[in-house]
Amino acid sequence: MATASFPGSVTLTREAGGPRLILSGDWTLPHYSDLHRRATELAGSIDSHATIDIHGLGAMDTSGAFIIAELLGSARTQALAQEEVLPPERRALLKTVGDAIDTYCTGITRPRDAGFVVMLERIGKAMSGFWKQTAKLLAFIGITLQGFLATIWRPRRWRVTSLVSHIEQTGLDAVPILALLSFMVGCVVAFLGSTALASYGASLFTVDLIGYAFLREFGVLLTAILLAGRTASAFTAQIGSMKAREEIDAIRTLGLDPVELLVLPRVLALLVSLPLLTFISMVAGVVGGGVVCLAVLKMSPSMFLTMFQADISLTQFLVGIAKAPVFAFMIAVIGCMEGFKVSGSAQSVGEHTTSAVVQSIFVVILLDALAALFYMEMGW
């Protein structure tokens, strides 16, 4: 026969001998909510002289002992654990909970230089995490290249439909916003350049500034950063959602390779899209600069194009466009890799989507800086 359970209660009475705190009933997990609410109401009303009556105390588990410890404090809980009226097992439970509160809830006293030690600890963890993330990225790049080499010689395994769909999503749909953004940046660069060069009587060289800036740097960099925020996040969210719904496990169960099915079409799509978008960005930026030259410097379109053709060599275009496939590959790989790292919750999808964008932008800027140093040493 099951033992009857009596809900626990806590009552504070005022008597001639002083306040009296009466604990009765079962202080167990099923009654935790009511007991915790009542204990919270009385927490500020109990002074150190209150008498504690535990004669009516019934069953008690860890949750009930914790509420008593919160209500009375660690010191009085330890004193209560010495009461002979309680069975030995309950006294031991109260003592254990009181000791735990002393150990884990009062905080750990740190030395004065703890701030410096904590800072070093955080730096160490960050560096360790950076190298681990770099190793994972290199490993995923290897897996992607291995899948590409295994598929390229087998046309039957090409995912043409998926490839075209991703080219549309990553390339065609991004043209309006990229063209507008590049046009406005071109206008800003031309405004700043003409204002600064006017002091030296060299306003005409605004054409050279626009050409060098957009063909070498701004065109490919704006495109890569835009796609890092737009496309890398989309790749992570798509693959992460599939991971959360266990669709990737289902793909493996069917004997299919998730890298071949999900990663390669996205990587190849971005390898096609980003160079084309870079060219569009270059054209839009130069057009924006030309509009400012026409409006501010009163330079005719034919004069602008003549100076542009005479001063800007094809090398500047090739230097800029050569970086596009590298940026595209890294953005796509990072976006897909973060998608596979999703643990299964919506929060995890959001965290890894944010991580994909941050990592992609960081890698793009880092590679661009390294490319600039390389081109400078080569004299290009």
Protein backbone atom coordinates (compact mmCIF):
# COMPACT_ATOMS: atom_id res chain seq x y z
CA MET A 1 0.00 0.00 0.00
CA ALA A 2 1.36 3.43 -0.94
CA THR A 3 2.17 5.78 1.90
CA ALA A 4 -0.04 8.87 2.08
CA SER A 5 1.74 12.12 1.25
CA PHE A 6 0.98 15.27 3.23
CA PRO A 7 1.97 18.52 1.52
CA GLY A 8 4.64 20.37 3.42
CA SER A 9 3.92 23.74 4.98
CA VAL A 10 5.81 26.48 6.75
CA THR A 11 4.09 28.84 9.18
CA LEU A 12 5.43 31.78 11.17
CA THR A 13 3.54 32.57 14.38
CA ARG A 14 4.03 35.29 16.96
CA GLU A 15 3.95 34.05 20.55
CA ALA A 16 4.85 35.44 23.95
CA GLY A 17 8.21 33.71 23.86
CA GLY A 18 9.02 35.17 20.45
CA PRO A 19 8.42 34.19 16.83
CA ARG A 20 7.96 30.51 16.09
CA LEU A 21 8.63 28.89 12.70
CA ILE A 22 6.69 25.66 12.23
CA LEU A 23 7.83 23.17 9.58
CA SER A 24 5.41 20.32 8.92
CA GLY A 25 4.32 17.83 6.27
CA ASP A 26 6.40 16.31 3.49
CA TRP A 27 9.20 18.47 2.09
CA THR A 28 9.67 16.61 -1.15
CA LEU A 29 9.94 17.36 -4.86
CA PRO A 30 6.19 17.09 -5.67
CA HIS A 31 5.54 19.99 -3.27
CA TYR A 32 8.60 22.03 -4.28
CA SER A 33 6.77 24.88 -6.04
CA ASP A 34 4.37 25.64 -3.18
CA LEU A 35 7.07 25.30 -0.53
CA HIS A 36 9.50 27.50 -2.43
CA ARG A 37 6.87 30.21 -2.97
CA ARG A 38 5.88 30.18 0.72
CA ALA A 39 9.51 30.17 1.87
CA THR A 40 10.24 33.14 -0.39
CA GLU A 41 7.35 35.07 1.17
CA LEU A 42 8.67 34.44 4.70
CA ALA A 43 12.37 34.88 3.98
CA GLY A 44 12.49 38.51 5.10
CA SER A 45 10.34 37.97 8.21
CA ILE A 46 12.47 35.41 10.07
CA ASP A 47 14.97 36.80 12.57
CA SER A 48 17.81 35.01 14.31
CA HIS A 49 15.78 34.55 17.54
CA ALA A 50 12.91 32.61 15.97
CA THR A 51 12.26 29.16 17.41
CA ILE A 52 12.10 26.35 14.86
CA ASP A 53 9.49 23.63 15.43
CA ILE A 54 10.20 20.49 13.39
CA HIS A 55 8.10 17.99 15.32
CA GLY A 56 5.56 17.78 12.50
CA LEU A 57 8.16 17.42 9.76
CA GLY A 58 7.41 14.41 7.54
CA ALA A 59 9.34 13.02 4.60
CA MET A 60 12.18 15.10 3.17
CA ASP A 61 14.42 14.86 0.12
CA THR A 62 17.20 17.03 -1.29
CA SER A 63 14.82 19.61 -2.76
CA GLY A 64 13.09 20.08 0.60
CA ALA A 65 16.40 20.29 2.45
CA PHE A 66 17.59 22.93 -0.01
CA ILE A 67 14.48 25.08 0.60
CA ILE A 68 15.05 24.81 4.36
CA ALA A 69 18.69 25.82 3.88
CA GLU A 70 17.65 28.80 1.74
CA LEU A 71 15.07 29.82 4.34
CA LEU A 72 17.23 29.46 7.45
CA GLY A 73 20.72 30.02 6.10
CA SER A 74 23.69 27.68 6.21
CA ALA A 75 24.59 28.19 9.88
CA ARG A 76 21.10 27.51 11.24
CA THR A 77 20.69 24.57 8.86
CA GLN A 78 23.85 23.04 10.30
CA ALA A 79 22.48 23.62 13.81
CA LEU A 80 19.16 22.05 12.83
CA ALA A 81 21.07 18.99 11.60
CA GLN A 82 22.13 18.35 15.21
CA GLU A 83 18.55 18.06 16.52
CA GLU A 84 17.94 14.63 17.99
CA VAL A 85 14.26 14.79 17.10
CA LEU A 86 15.16 14.17 13.45
CA PRO A 87 16.06 10.71 12.19
CA PRO A 88 19.77 10.22 11.41
CA GLU A 89 19.24 10.12 7.64
CA ARG A 90 17.48 13.51 7.63
CA ARG A 91 20.14 15.06 9.84
CA ALA A 92 22.78 13.76 7.43
CA LEU A 93 20.84 15.19 4.47
CA LEU A 94 20.55 18.63 6.07
CA LYS A 95 24.25 18.61 6.94
CA THR A 96 25.21 17.63 3.38
CA VAL A 97 23.04 20.36 1.85
CA GLY A 98 24.40 22.93 4.32
CA ASP A 99 27.98 21.96 3.48
CA ALA A 100 27.22 22.16 -0.23
CA ILE A 101 25.80 25.67 0.13
CA ASP A 102 28.91 26.74 2.06
CA THR A 103 31.14 25.31 -0.64
CA TYR A 104 29.40 26.24 -3.88
CA CYS A 105 27.01 29.10 -3.18
CA THR A 106 29.12 31.52 -1.16
CA GLY A 107 31.72 31.99 -3.88
CA ILE A 108 35.42 31.26 -3.92
CA THR A 109 37.84 33.81 -2.52
CA ARG A 110 40.33 34.66 -5.20
CA PRO A 111 43.71 36.30 -4.74
CA ARG A 112 44.19 39.95 -5.62
CA ASP A 113 45.76 39.14 -8.95
CA ALA A 114 42.80 36.96 -9.98
CA GLY A 115 41.76 39.45 -12.66
CA PHE A 116 45.10 39.12 -14.42
CA VAL A 117 45.02 35.33 -14.08
CA VAL A 118 41.48 35.18 -15.47
CA MET A 119 42.52 37.38 -18.40
CA LEU A 120 45.43 35.05 -19.19
CA GLU A 121 43.10 32.08 -18.88
CA ARG A 122 40.62 33.59 -21.34
CA ILE A 123 43.40 34.44 -23.78
CA GLY A 124 44.69 30.88 -23.56
CA LYS A 125 41.25 29.40 -24.15
CA ALA A 126 40.67 31.76 -27.08
CA MET A 127 43.97 30.79 -28.71
CA SER A 128 43.30 27.11 -28.13
CA GLY A 129 39.83 27.49 -29.64
CA PHE A 130 41.30 29.41 -32.60
CA TRP A 131 43.76 26.64 -33.45
CA LYS A 132 41.10 23.95 -33.01
CA GLN A 133 38.75 25.87 -35.31
CA THR A 134 41.55 26.29 -37.86
CA ALA A 135 42.26 22.55 -37.77
CA LYS A 136 38.56 21.76 -38.28
CA LEU A 137 38.38 24.20 -41.19
CA LEU A 138 41.41 22.65 -42.89
CA ALA A 139 39.97 19.17 -42.35
CA PHE A 140 36.64 20.21 -43.90
CA ILE A 141 38.46 21.79 -46.84
CA GLY A 142 40.22 18.46 -47.37
CA ILE A 143 36.93 16.56 -47.24
CA THR A 144 35.39 18.98 -49.74
CA LEU A 145 38.30 18.70 -52.17
CA GLN A 146 38.26 14.92 -51.83
CA GLY A 147 34.56 14.84 -52.66
CA PHE A 148 35.13 17.17 -55.61
CA LEU A 149 37.89 14.99 -57.06
CA ALA A 150 35.77 11.87 -56.59
CA THR A 151 32.82 13.43 -58.40
CA ILE A 152 34.34 15.47 -61.22
CA TRP A 153 35.18 12.37 -63.30
CA ARG A 154 31.69 10.90 -62.88
CA PRO A 155 29.15 13.12 -64.67
CA ARG A 156 26.24 10.94 -63.52
CA ARG A 157 26.87 12.11 -59.96
CA TRP A 158 26.78 15.82 -60.81
CA ARG A 159 23.90 17.66 -59.11
CA VAL A 160 23.16 20.01 -62.00
CA THR A 161 19.66 20.98 -60.85
CA SER A 162 20.89 21.82 -57.36
CA LEU A 163 23.85 23.72 -58.80
CA VAL A 164 21.67 25.92 -61.03
CA SER A 165 19.27 26.58 -58.16
CA HIS A 166 22.08 27.71 -55.87
CA ILE A 167 23.59 29.89 -58.60
CA GLU A 168 20.25 31.65 -58.87
CA GLN A 169 19.98 32.10 -55.10
CA THR A 170 23.55 33.22 -54.48
CA GLY A 171 24.16 35.11 -57.71
CA LEU A 172 21.12 36.37 -59.56
CA ASP A 173 19.15 37.34 -56.48
CA ALA A 174 22.10 39.33 -55.11
CA VAL A 175 22.60 41.52 -58.19
CA PRO A 176 20.24 44.41 -57.27
CA ILE A 177 21.53 45.01 -53.75
CA LEU A 178 25.17 44.56 -54.80
CA ALA A 179 24.88 46.92 -57.77
CA LEU A 180 23.19 49.59 -55.65
CA LEU A 181 25.74 49.23 -52.84
CA SER A 182 28.70 49.41 -55.23
CA PHE A 183 27.22 52.41 -57.04
CA MET A 184 26.85 54.34 -53.79
CA VAL A 185 30.34 53.42 -52.58
CA GLY A 186 31.70 54.53 -55.96
CA CYS A 187 29.97 57.88 -55.51
CA VAL A 188 31.42 58.27 -52.01
CA VAL A 189 34.96 57.39 -53.14
CA ALA A 190 34.71 59.86 -56.02
CA PHE A 191 33.41 62.63 -53.73
CA LEU A 192 36.20 62.10 -51.21
CA GLY A 193 38.85 61.73 -53.90
CA SER A 194 37.85 64.85 -55.79
CA THR A 195 37.72 66.89 -52.57
CA ALA A 196 41.16 65.73 -51.41
CA LEU A 197 42.83 66.00 -54.83
CA ALA A 198 41.38 69.45 -55.49
CA SER A 199 43.80 70.87 -52.90
CA TYR A 200 46.68 69.83 -55.17
CA GLY A 201 45.00 70.79 -58.42
CA ALA A 202 44.79 67.13 -59.39
CA SER A 203 41.03 66.56 -59.50
CA LEU A 204 41.33 64.79 -62.83
CA PHE A 205 43.15 61.94 -61.10
CA THR A 206 39.87 61.05 -59.40
CA VAL A 207 39.36 58.77 -62.40
CA ASP A 208 42.53 56.86 -61.55
CA LEU A 209 41.52 56.63 -57.90
CA ILE A 210 38.15 55.13 -58.79
CA GLY A 211 39.69 52.68 -61.25
CA TYR A 212 42.41 51.44 -58.93
CA ALA A 213 40.11 51.27 -55.91
CA PHE A 214 37.31 49.27 -57.51
CA LEU A 215 39.24 47.06 -59.87
CA ARG A 216 41.83 46.01 -57.30
CA GLU A 217 39.99 46.10 -53.97
CA PHE A 218 36.51 47.48 -53.49
CA GLY A 219 34.77 45.45 -56.18
CA VAL A 220 35.81 42.02 -54.95
CA LEU A 221 35.86 43.01 -51.26
CA LEU A 222 32.33 44.46 -51.25
CA THR A 223 31.05 41.41 -53.10
CA ALA A 224 32.76 38.96 -50.76
CA ILE A 225 31.59 40.73 -47.59
CA LEU A 226 28.03 40.96 -48.90
CA LEU A 227 27.96 37.26 -49.78
CA ALA A 228 29.63 36.37 -46.47
CA GLY A 229 26.67 37.92 -44.69
CA ARG A 230 24.02 36.84 -47.16
CA THR A 231 25.11 33.46 -48.49
CA ALA A 232 27.25 31.95 -45.72
CA SER A 233 24.43 32.52 -43.25
CA ALA A 234 21.93 30.96 -45.67
CA PHE A 235 24.11 27.88 -46.17
CA THR A 236 24.53 27.44 -42.41
CA ALA A 237 20.83 27.89 -41.72
CA GLN A 238 19.80 25.46 -44.46
CA ILE A 239 22.21 22.68 -43.51
CA GLY A 240 21.77 23.37 -39.79
CA SER A 241 18.01 23.01 -40.06
CA MET A 242 18.48 19.70 -41.84
CA LYS A 243 20.88 18.60 -39.10
CA ALA A 244 18.37 19.60 -36.40
CA ARG A 245 15.62 17.59 -38.12
CA GLU A 246 18.00 14.62 -38.53
CA GLU A 247 17.69 14.77 -42.32
CA ILE A 248 21.46 14.45 -42.71
CA ASP A 249 21.36 11.21 -40.71
CA ALA A 250 18.65 10.01 -43.07
CA ILE A 251 20.85 10.87 -46.07
CA ARG A 252 23.67 8.78 -44.63
CA THR A 253 21.23 5.95 -43.92
CA LEU A 254 20.28 5.93 -47.59
CA GLY A 255 23.94 5.43 -48.47
CA LEU A 256 24.41 8.96 -49.86
CA ASP A 257 27.29 11.31 -49.11
CA PRO A 258 26.12 14.58 -47.46
CA VAL A 259 29.22 16.39 -48.73
CA GLU A 260 28.50 15.40 -52.32
CA LEU A 261 24.80 16.13 -51.96
CA LEU A 262 24.85 19.36 -49.93
CA VAL A 263 28.31 20.92 -49.95
CA LEU A 264 29.64 20.54 -53.50
CA PRO A 265 26.66 22.20 -55.27
CA ARG A 266 26.88 25.18 -52.92
CA VAL A 267 30.64 25.54 -53.27
CA LEU A 268 30.53 25.29 -57.07
CA ALA A 269 27.59 27.71 -57.23
CA LEU A 270 29.52 30.34 -55.29
CA LEU A 271 32.64 29.72 -57.39
CA VAL A 272 30.54 30.65 -60.43
CA SER A 273 28.53 33.46 -58.85
CA LEU A 274 31.11 35.48 -56.95
CA PRO A 275 33.44 36.30 -59.90
CA LEU A 276 30.43 37.38 -61.98
CA LEU A 277 29.09 39.48 -59.12
CA THR A 278 32.56 40.97 -58.64
CA PHE A 279 32.54 42.14 -62.26
CA ILE A 280 29.10 43.69 -61.77
CA SER A 281 30.33 45.41 -58.60
CA MET A 282 33.34 46.82 -60.44
CA VAL A 283 31.17 48.19 -63.23
CA ALA A 284 28.62 49.68 -60.83
CA GLY A 285 31.33 51.32 -58.72
CA VAL A 286 33.03 52.85 -61.75
CA VAL A 287 29.66 54.09 -63.03
CA GLY A 288 28.96 55.69 -59.63
CA GLY A 289 32.33 57.41 -59.71
CA GLY A 290 31.71 58.54 -63.29
CA VAL A 291 28.37 60.09 -62.31
CA VAL A 292 30.10 62.12 -59.58
CA CYS A 293 32.85 63.19 -61.99
CA LEU A 294 30.16 64.32 -64.42
CA ALA A 295 28.22 66.22 -61.74
CA VAL A 296 31.07 67.71 -59.68
CA LEU A 297 34.06 67.93 -62.01
CA LYS A 298 31.99 68.64 -65.14
CA MET A 299 33.86 65.84 -66.87
CA SER A 300 32.17 64.44 -69.95
CA PRO A 301 31.56 60.67 -70.19
CA SER A 302 33.89 60.40 -73.20
CA MET A 303 36.70 62.13 -71.32
CA PHE A 304 36.14 59.90 -68.28
CA LEU A 305 36.29 56.74 -70.40
CA THR A 306 39.34 57.97 -72.33
CA MET A 307 41.30 58.64 -69.13
CA PHE A 308 40.11 55.39 -67.60
CA GLN A 309 41.26 53.39 -70.63
CA ALA A 310 44.60 55.18 -70.82
CA ASP A 311 45.56 55.00 -67.13
CA ILE A 312 44.01 51.76 -65.85
CA SER A 313 45.65 48.64 -67.25
CA LEU A 314 44.12 45.20 -67.60
CA THR A 315 46.43 44.01 -64.82
CA GLN A 316 44.39 45.91 -62.23
CA PHE A 317 41.26 44.05 -63.29
CA LEU A 318 43.00 40.66 -63.26
CA VAL A 319 44.51 41.31 -59.83
CA GLY A 320 41.06 41.98 -58.41
CA ILE A 321 39.13 39.23 -60.17
CA ALA A 322 41.76 36.60 -59.30
CA LYS A 323 40.84 36.87 -55.62
CA ALA A 324 37.15 36.16 -56.24
CA PRO A 325 37.33 32.33 -56.56
CA VAL A 326 39.44 32.05 -53.40
CA PHE A 327 36.98 34.17 -51.42
CA ALA A 328 34.06 32.21 -52.87
CA PHE A 329 35.54 28.86 -51.88
CA MET A 330 36.28 29.94 -48.31
CA ILE A 331 32.85 31.55 -47.78
CA ALA A 332 31.01 28.48 -49.04
CA VAL A 333 33.15 26.03 -47.06
CA ILE A 334 32.78 27.98 -43.80
CA GLY A 335 29.02 28.32 -44.26
CA CYS A 336 28.58 24.60 -44.90
CA MET A 337 30.95 23.55 -42.11
CA GLU A 338 29.10 25.60 -39.50
CA GLY A 339 25.84 24.04 -40.67
CA PHE A 340 27.18 20.55 -39.98
CA LYS A 341 28.23 21.65 -36.48
CA VAL A 342 24.65 22.49 -35.40
CA SER A 343 23.68 20.39 -32.37
CA GLY A 344 19.92 20.17 -32.91
CA SER A 345 18.23 23.19 -31.34
CA ALA A 346 17.04 26.47 -32.82
CA GLN A 347 19.49 28.32 -30.57
CA SER A 348 22.36 26.28 -32.00
CA VAL A 349 21.28 27.17 -35.54
CA GLY A 350 21.36 30.86 -34.64
CA GLU A 351 24.74 30.64 -32.93
CA HIS A 352 26.42 28.83 -35.80
CA THR A 353 24.81 31.13 -38.38
CA THR A 354 26.33 34.11 -36.58
CA SER A 355 29.65 32.28 -36.31
CA ALA A 356 29.63 31.55 -40.05
CA VAL A 357 29.17 35.22 -40.94
CA VAL A 358 31.89 36.40 -38.54
CA GLN A 359 34.38 33.75 -39.65
CA SER A 360 33.70 34.36 -43.33
CA ILE A 361 34.22 38.12 -43.09
CA PHE A 362 37.37 37.63 -41.00
CA VAL A 363 38.85 35.12 -43.46
CA VAL A 364 37.98 37.32 -46.45
CA ILE A 365 39.72 40.37 -44.97
CA LEU A 366 42.70 38.26 -43.86
CA LEU A 367 43.13 36.72 -47.32
CA ASP A 368 42.73 40.14 -48.94
CA ALA A 369 45.50 41.54 -46.76
CA LEU A 370 47.78 38.61 -47.61
CA ALA A 371 46.99 39.03 -51.30
CA ALA A 372 47.84 42.74 -51.11
CA LEU A 373 51.24 41.91 -49.60
CA PHE A 374 51.86 39.26 -52.25
CA TYR A 375 50.95 41.60 -55.13
CA MET A 376 53.14 44.33 -53.66
CA GLU A 377 56.14 42.00 -53.51
CA MET A 378 55.46 40.82 -57.06
CA GLY A 379 55.16 44.39 -58.30
CA TRP A 380 51.67 43.89 -59.76
